[in-house]
C-alpha cells in the first residue's frame, strides 16, 4: 500500500510539472521534468546494484546470563550483520525473519526495518526469549531493499539459519517423593553393564560417601545408629528408570512434563543415585536409553530428545515398553495429560 501511494504521488508530481511547463514554457521546469523522468531509473538501478552486493551474516546466540547453554525464559541475543561494500545506501531495508521451535512445532514470523549505510551496512542484535525448551532456530529468509525514491522493493533471498538448544528449567522447589523413588527402583533381569552379573549381597559395612543410597540397610542402620550399606560383589543394573512420554496435549502442560522429568533426573543425580532416562522414539520406533551419572549427561540426553517427534497417543511409549524391554520390571512414568502432569510408578506388565 505504501508503494502504491508513493507511485501515485510521484505520477501526480510529474503531471503537475508537465502542466506548469506547458503553461509557463520555462526552461527550468523542462529540466525538472527530465530529472523527474530519469530519477526512477537511477533509483531502481542503484537499488539493484546494492542488492547484488549486499550480504547477511547470522551469528549464533549469546546468553546474557554468561553461562554455557541456554535455559528457557532467559534472554539471548542473536547478532545479524548486514554487509554493504558499496557507496550506495538504503534508508529502509527490511529483514524477513522466521523463529521456530522444531520440537514443539511452533513458528513465528517478524519483519524488521533497518538502514544500510554506505561501506558499512548495519549491525543488529535481536533479543530472544524462548518460552519453551527445545531446538530454537532463527532464519533470515530474505531482505527487501527499498530504492531511494521509495517506489519499489527489490527482494533478495538469504536463507541464513542459526540453531541453538534451549534446556528446561530445573524446578528448585520440587521435592522428591521418596515413596515413588523407592518403588521405581528396578533391577534388570540382565545387566547392561559390561562384565557384571546379577547383584549379590556379600557383606554389610559402614556407609562411605558416594555409596548408592538404595544399598543402605535401614534396619541395621536403625539398630547401630549409623549408616550401614549392603556391599555387593557384583552390581547389576539396579537403578531408577525415568521414562518421559513424548505426548503433547498442550504446549504448556507438555513443557511442564519435560521440566518435571528434567528436574527429577537432576535431583536424583544430586542424590548420587543410579539413573537411566528413557523415551520412546517415534522416528525409529524404539526406546532411547541414557545412563545418567552426571548433570552434563542429563543435558545431553534431553538435547538429543529434542530431535524427536511428539506423538498423539498419551501411552504410546508405555504400551510398547513390555514387548520391547521386558527386562525392565518397573519405572517412573512422567506423562502430560489434559489434567496436568502425572508422575507414577508403572509395573512393566
Protein backbone atom coordinates (compact mmCIF):
# COMPACT_ATOMS: atom_id res chain seq x y z
CA UNK A 1 0.00 0.00 0.00
CA UNK A 2 2.84 2.37 0.86
CA UNK A 3 4.49 1.76 -2.50
CA UNK A 4 1.23 2.37 -4.39
CA UNK A 5 0.71 5.69 -2.60
CA UNK A 6 4.27 6.75 -3.40
CA UNK A 7 3.93 5.82 -7.10
CA UNK A 8 0.64 7.71 -7.40
CA UNK A 9 2.19 10.70 -5.64
CA UNK A 10 5.18 10.64 -8.00
CA UNK A 11 2.91 10.46 -11.06
CA UNK A 12 0.89 13.42 -9.74
CA UNK A 13 4.15 15.36 -9.21
CA UNK A 14 5.20 14.72 -12.82
CA UNK A 15 1.73 15.72 -14.06
CA UNK A 16 1.91 18.99 -12.14
CA UNK A 17 5.37 19.69 -13.57
CA UNK A 18 4.12 18.98 -17.12
CA UNK A 19 1.14 21.28 -16.63
CA UNK A 20 3.31 24.09 -15.31
CA UNK A 21 5.76 23.67 -18.19
CA UNK A 22 3.01 23.83 -20.80
CA UNK A 23 1.63 26.95 -19.18
CA UNK A 24 4.85 28.86 -18.42
CA UNK A 25 7.19 27.35 -21.04
CA UNK A 26 10.03 27.62 -18.51
CA UNK A 27 13.42 26.08 -19.23
CA UNK A 28 13.82 25.30 -15.53
CA UNK A 29 10.56 23.35 -15.48
CA UNK A 30 11.72 21.38 -18.53
CA UNK A 31 14.96 20.39 -16.76
CA UNK A 32 12.98 19.46 -13.66
CA UNK A 33 10.68 17.30 -15.78
CA UNK A 34 13.65 15.45 -17.30
CA UNK A 35 15.12 14.83 -13.85
CA UNK A 36 11.79 13.52 -12.60
CA UNK A 37 11.63 11.20 -15.61
CA UNK A 38 15.08 9.65 -15.19
CA UNK A 39 15.16 9.66 -11.35
CA UNK A 40 13.17 6.41 -11.01
CA UNK A 41 15.52 4.62 -13.41
CA UNK A 42 18.58 5.79 -11.49
CA UNK A 43 16.97 4.96 -8.14
CA UNK A 44 15.92 1.42 -9.12
CA UNK A 45 19.27 0.74 -10.82
CA UNK A 46 21.16 1.82 -7.68
CA UNK A 47 18.93 -0.44 -5.56
CA UNK A 48 19.61 -3.33 -7.94
CA UNK A 49 23.37 -2.83 -7.63
CA UNK A 50 23.07 -2.67 -3.85
CA UNK A 51 21.02 -5.86 -3.84
CA UNK A 52 23.68 -7.73 -5.80
CA UNK A 53 26.46 -6.69 -3.41
CA UNK A 54 24.58 -6.91 -0.13
CA UNK A 55 25.32 -9.90 2.16
CA UNK A 56 23.99 -11.04 5.53
CA UNK A 57 25.79 -12.91 8.33
CA UNK A 58 23.87 -14.62 11.11
CA UNK A 59 25.89 -15.36 14.25
CA UNK A 60 24.96 -17.83 16.98
CA UNK A 61 23.02 -16.79 20.05
CA UNK A 62 24.77 -15.41 23.14
CA UNK A 63 23.33 -15.90 26.61
CA UNK A 64 23.05 -12.75 28.69
CA UNK A 65 23.41 -14.88 31.82
CA UNK A 66 27.08 -15.52 30.87
CA UNK A 67 26.77 -19.27 31.21
CA UNK A 68 27.16 -22.27 28.97
CA UNK A 69 23.97 -23.28 27.20
CA UNK A 70 20.58 -21.63 27.20
CA UNK A 71 17.62 -22.01 29.53
CA UNK A 72 14.00 -21.32 28.74
CA UNK A 73 12.79 -17.90 29.84
CA UNK A 74 16.29 -16.40 29.67
CA UNK A 75 17.10 -13.64 27.24
CA UNK A 76 19.54 -14.40 24.42
CA UNK A 77 21.00 -12.17 21.74
CA UNK A 78 21.26 -13.17 18.10
CA UNK A 79 23.51 -10.93 16.01
CA UNK A 80 22.71 -10.17 12.38
CA UNK A 81 25.34 -8.34 10.36
CA UNK A 82 24.42 -6.70 7.05
CA UNK A 83 27.47 -6.02 4.90
CA UNK A 84 27.49 -3.30 2.25
CA UNK A 85 30.78 -2.86 0.36
CA UNK A 86 29.37 -0.14 -1.97
CA UNK A 87 28.96 3.64 -1.64
CA UNK A 88 25.21 3.19 -2.06
CA UNK A 89 22.82 3.44 0.84
CA UNK A 90 19.32 2.31 1.71
CA UNK A 91 17.11 4.10 4.22
CA UNK A 92 14.67 1.21 4.54
CA UNK A 93 15.97 -2.36 4.29
CA UNK A 94 13.53 -4.95 5.60
CA UNK A 95 14.66 -8.27 7.08
CA UNK A 96 12.12 -11.09 7.00
CA UNK A 97 12.80 -13.42 9.94
CA UNK A 98 11.37 -16.78 10.96
CA UNK A 99 11.72 -18.02 14.55
CA UNK A 100 10.82 -21.66 15.13
CA UNK A 101 10.84 -24.28 17.87
CA UNK A 102 11.12 -27.53 15.93
CA UNK A 103 10.31 -29.82 18.86
CA UNK A 104 7.12 -28.00 19.84
CA UNK A 105 6.42 -27.21 16.17
CA UNK A 106 5.77 -23.53 16.85
CA UNK A 107 6.68 -20.86 14.34
CA UNK A 108 6.57 -17.08 14.19
CA UNK A 109 7.48 -14.51 11.57
CA UNK A 110 8.76 -11.00 12.01
CA UNK A 111 9.87 -8.17 9.73
CA UNK A 112 12.48 -5.67 10.94
CA UNK A 113 13.30 -2.45 9.12
CA UNK A 114 16.88 -1.11 9.36
CA UNK A 115 19.01 1.43 7.45
CA UNK A 116 22.01 0.24 5.44
CA UNK A 117 24.94 2.64 5.50
CA UNK A 118 27.46 3.10 2.70
CA UNK A 119 30.59 0.94 3.07
CA UNK A 120 29.36 -0.28 6.47
CA UNK A 121 25.97 -1.86 6.38
CA UNK A 122 24.27 -2.42 9.73
CA UNK A 123 24.75 -4.45 12.92
CA UNK A 124 21.59 -5.72 14.60
CA UNK A 125 21.27 -7.55 17.94
CA UNK A 126 17.91 -9.27 18.36
CA UNK A 127 16.85 -10.30 21.88
CA UNK A 128 15.07 -13.67 22.01
CA UNK A 129 13.31 -15.30 24.94
CA UNK A 130 12.16 -18.88 24.38
CA UNK A 131 9.02 -19.76 26.33
CA UNK A 132 9.58 -23.48 25.78
CA UNK A 133 12.61 -25.73 25.73
CA UNK A 134 13.77 -27.42 22.53
CA UNK A 135 15.68 -26.60 19.36
CA UNK A 136 15.09 -22.94 18.59
CA UNK A 137 16.10 -21.63 15.19
CA UNK A 138 16.16 -18.15 13.72
CA UNK A 139 16.34 -17.74 9.96
CA UNK A 140 16.74 -14.68 7.75
CA UNK A 141 14.56 -15.66 4.80
CA UNK A 142 15.16 -12.63 2.59
CA UNK A 143 15.82 -8.89 2.53
CA UNK A 144 13.72 -6.25 0.81
CA UNK A 145 15.66 -3.21 -0.41
CA UNK A 146 13.69 -0.04 -1.00
CA UNK A 147 15.03 2.27 -3.68
CA UNK A 148 15.93 5.85 -2.72
CA UNK A 149 12.72 7.37 -4.08
CA UNK A 150 10.66 4.64 -2.46
CA UNK A 151 8.64 3.41 -5.42
CA UNK A 152 9.63 -0.27 -5.18
CA UNK A 153 11.19 -3.01 -3.07
CA UNK A 154 13.81 -5.33 -4.57
CA UNK A 155 13.88 -8.78 -2.96
CA UNK A 156 16.89 -10.96 -2.30
CA UNK A 157 16.82 -14.48 -0.84
CA UNK A 158 19.18 -15.03 2.07
CA UNK A 159 18.14 -18.28 3.82
CA UNK A 160 20.72 -17.98 6.59
CA UNK A 161 19.81 -20.04 9.66
CA UNK A 162 21.15 -20.41 13.19
CA UNK A 163 20.04 -23.06 15.70
CA UNK A 164 20.59 -23.31 19.43
CA UNK A 165 19.46 -25.67 22.17
CA UNK A 166 17.24 -24.39 24.97
CA UNK A 167 17.17 -26.66 28.01
CA UNK A 168 14.34 -26.81 30.56
CA UNK A 169 14.49 -25.04 33.88
CA UNK A 170 15.08 -27.10 36.99
CA UNK A 171 12.21 -26.85 39.43
CA UNK A 172 14.12 -25.86 42.55
CA UNK A 173 11.01 -26.13 44.72
CA UNK A 174 10.15 -29.64 43.54
CA UNK A 175 10.51 -32.23 46.29
CA UNK A 176 11.41 -35.84 45.51
CA UNK A 177 8.66 -38.25 46.53
CA UNK A 178 10.66 -40.91 48.38
CA UNK A 179 7.89 -43.48 48.02
CA UNK A 180 7.86 -43.08 44.24
CA UNK A 181 11.67 -43.21 44.06
CA UNK A 182 11.83 -46.32 46.22
CA UNK A 183 9.05 -48.06 44.28
CA UNK A 184 10.56 -47.01 40.96
CA UNK A 185 13.94 -48.62 41.62
CA UNK A 186 14.31 -51.55 39.27
CA UNK A 187 16.81 -54.34 38.95
CA UNK A 188 17.02 -55.65 35.41
CA UNK A 189 16.91 -59.33 34.66
CA UNK A 190 20.03 -58.87 32.60
CA UNK A 191 22.65 -56.24 33.25
CA UNK A 192 23.59 -53.73 30.58
CA UNK A 193 26.96 -53.03 32.21
CA UNK A 194 29.82 -54.82 30.59
CA UNK A 195 31.42 -57.52 32.77
CA UNK A 196 28.76 -57.51 35.51
CA UNK A 197 26.28 -60.13 36.64
CA UNK A 198 23.32 -60.38 38.99
CA UNK A 199 23.99 -58.48 42.20
CA UNK A 200 24.63 -60.39 45.41
CA UNK A 201 24.99 -59.04 48.95
CA UNK A 202 28.31 -60.34 50.26
CA UNK A 203 28.82 -58.13 53.29
CA UNK A 204 27.41 -55.25 55.32
CA UNK A 205 29.71 -52.33 56.12
CA UNK A 206 29.68 -48.70 57.19
CA UNK A 207 28.50 -46.09 54.71
CA UNK A 208 31.18 -44.41 52.56
CA UNK A 209 30.34 -41.11 50.78
CA UNK A 210 29.43 -41.97 47.21
CA UNK A 211 27.66 -45.23 48.01
CA UNK A 212 24.30 -45.72 46.31
CA UNK A 213 21.57 -44.78 48.77
CA UNK A 214 19.44 -47.71 47.65
CA UNK A 215 22.03 -50.07 49.16
CA UNK A 216 21.55 -48.73 52.70
CA UNK A 217 20.48 -51.40 55.18
CA UNK A 218 17.84 -49.40 57.02
CA UNK A 219 17.00 -51.92 59.75
CA UNK A 220 20.63 -52.39 60.77
CA UNK A 221 21.21 -48.63 60.47
CA UNK A 222 18.41 -48.03 62.99
CA UNK A 223 19.93 -50.51 65.44
CA UNK A 224 23.55 -49.30 65.19
CA UNK A 225 22.60 -45.62 64.94
CA UNK A 226 24.94 -45.16 61.95
CA UNK A 227 24.52 -45.72 58.22
CA UNK A 228 25.20 -49.30 57.14
CA UNK A 229 25.19 -50.39 53.50
CA UNK A 230 24.90 -53.71 51.71
CA UNK A 231 28.19 -54.47 49.97
CA UNK A 232 27.58 -56.12 46.62
CA UNK A 233 30.24 -58.19 44.98
CA UNK A 234 28.74 -57.79 41.53
CA UNK A 235 26.47 -54.85 40.82
CA UNK A 236 23.55 -55.43 38.48
CA UNK A 237 21.88 -52.63 36.63
CA UNK A 238 19.93 -51.60 39.70
CA UNK A 239 18.77 -48.12 39.00
CA UNK A 240 15.88 -45.71 38.81
CA UNK A 241 14.40 -45.54 35.33
CA UNK A 242 12.72 -42.23 34.49
CA UNK A 243 10.57 -42.55 31.39
CA UNK A 244 9.07 -39.47 29.68
CA UNK A 245 6.14 -39.81 27.31
CA UNK A 246 6.52 -37.51 24.31
CA UNK A 247 2.79 -36.85 24.23
CA UNK A 248 1.83 -33.22 23.69
CA UNK A 249 -1.76 -32.44 24.72
CA UNK A 250 -0.92 -28.73 25.01
CA UNK A 251 2.27 -26.69 24.83
CA UNK A 252 2.18 -25.53 28.45
CA UNK A 253 1.36 -28.92 30.00
CA UNK A 254 3.88 -30.80 27.86
CA UNK A 255 6.58 -28.27 28.69
CA UNK A 256 5.74 -28.77 32.37
CA UNK A 257 6.14 -32.54 31.93
CA UNK A 258 9.56 -32.05 30.34
CA UNK A 259 10.67 -29.76 33.17
CA UNK A 260 9.39 -32.28 35.72
CA UNK A 261 11.35 -35.17 34.19
CA UNK A 262 14.42 -32.97 33.74
CA UNK A 263 14.28 -31.77 37.36
CA UNK A 264 13.70 -35.30 38.65
CA UNK A 265 16.73 -36.68 36.81
CA UNK A 266 18.96 -33.86 38.05
CA UNK A 267 17.80 -34.21 41.63
CA UNK A 268 18.38 -37.97 41.56
CA UNK A 269 21.90 -37.34 40.27
CA UNK A 270 22.40 -34.96 43.20
CA UNK A 271 21.35 -37.81 45.47
CA UNK A 272 24.10 -40.00 43.93
CA UNK A 273 21.53 -42.46 42.63
CA UNK A 274 21.95 -44.56 39.51
CA UNK A 275 19.56 -43.12 36.94
CA UNK A 276 18.51 -44.10 33.44
CA UNK A 277 16.48 -41.70 31.33
CA UNK A 278 14.26 -43.13 28.60
CA UNK A 279 11.80 -42.00 25.96
CA UNK A 280 10.11 -43.66 23.02
CA UNK A 281 11.33 -42.61 19.58
CA UNK A 282 8.53 -42.31 17.06
CA UNK A 283 11.09 -41.97 14.26
CA UNK A 284 12.88 -45.26 14.91
CA UNK A 285 10.01 -46.98 16.74
CA UNK A 286 12.37 -47.85 19.56
CA UNK A 287 13.32 -46.66 23.02
CA UNK A 288 16.25 -44.35 23.60
CA UNK A 289 18.11 -45.09 26.83
CA UNK A 290 20.70 -42.91 28.55
CA UNK A 291 22.62 -43.80 31.69
CA UNK A 292 22.91 -40.64 33.75
CA UNK A 293 25.70 -40.23 36.30
CA UNK A 294 26.41 -36.52 35.82
CA UNK A 295 24.39 -33.40 35.09
CA UNK A 296 26.12 -32.96 31.73
CA UNK A 297 24.89 -36.41 30.66
CA UNK A 298 21.32 -35.40 31.53
CA UNK A 299 21.64 -32.24 29.43
CA UNK A 300 23.00 -34.27 26.52
CA UNK A 301 20.18 -36.82 26.75
CA UNK A 302 17.46 -34.16 26.73
CA UNK A 303 19.21 -32.32 23.89
CA UNK A 304 19.05 -35.49 21.78
CA UNK A 305 15.39 -35.94 22.70
CA UNK A 306 14.56 -32.56 21.15
CA UNK A 307 15.33 -34.01 17.71
CA UNK A 308 12.42 -36.44 18.09
CA UNK A 309 8.77 -36.06 17.12
CA UNK A 310 5.94 -35.99 19.61
CA UNK A 311 3.08 -38.46 19.25
CA UNK A 312 -0.70 -38.39 19.54
CA UNK A 313 -1.41 -41.29 21.90
CA UNK A 314 -0.88 -40.50 25.61
CA UNK A 315 0.51 -44.00 26.37
CA UNK A 316 2.42 -44.62 23.14
CA UNK A 317 5.68 -45.40 24.93
CA UNK A 318 4.28 -47.28 27.93
CA UNK A 319 2.21 -49.56 25.69
CA UNK A 320 5.38 -50.71 23.91
CA UNK A 321 7.63 -51.00 26.94
CA UNK A 322 6.80 -54.60 27.86
CA UNK A 323 7.22 -56.02 24.36
CA UNK A 324 10.48 -54.19 23.61
CA UNK A 325 12.11 -54.08 27.07
CA UNK A 326 10.66 -56.87 29.26
CA UNK A 327 13.85 -56.84 31.38
CA UNK A 328 12.78 -53.53 32.94
CA UNK A 329 10.48 -54.51 35.79
CA UNK A 330 9.24 -51.06 36.78
CA UNK A 331 9.92 -47.42 36.05
CA UNK A 332 8.89 -43.87 36.97
CA UNK A 333 6.44 -42.73 34.31
CA UNK A 334 6.21 -38.98 33.61
CA UNK A 335 3.42 -38.04 31.23
CA UNK A 336 1.39 -34.99 30.28
CA UNK A 337 -2.39 -35.17 30.19
CA UNK A 338 -5.19 -32.68 29.80
CA UNK A 339 -5.45 -32.63 33.59
CA UNK A 340 -1.78 -31.84 34.15
CA UNK A 341 1.42 -33.84 34.68
CA UNK A 342 1.28 -37.34 36.12
CA UNK A 343 4.29 -38.92 37.87
CA UNK A 344 3.63 -42.55 38.81
CA UNK A 345 5.48 -45.84 39.13
CA UNK A 346 4.44 -48.32 36.43
CA UNK A 347 4.93 -52.05 36.66
CA UNK A 348 6.12 -53.33 33.30
CA UNK A 349 3.42 -55.97 32.92
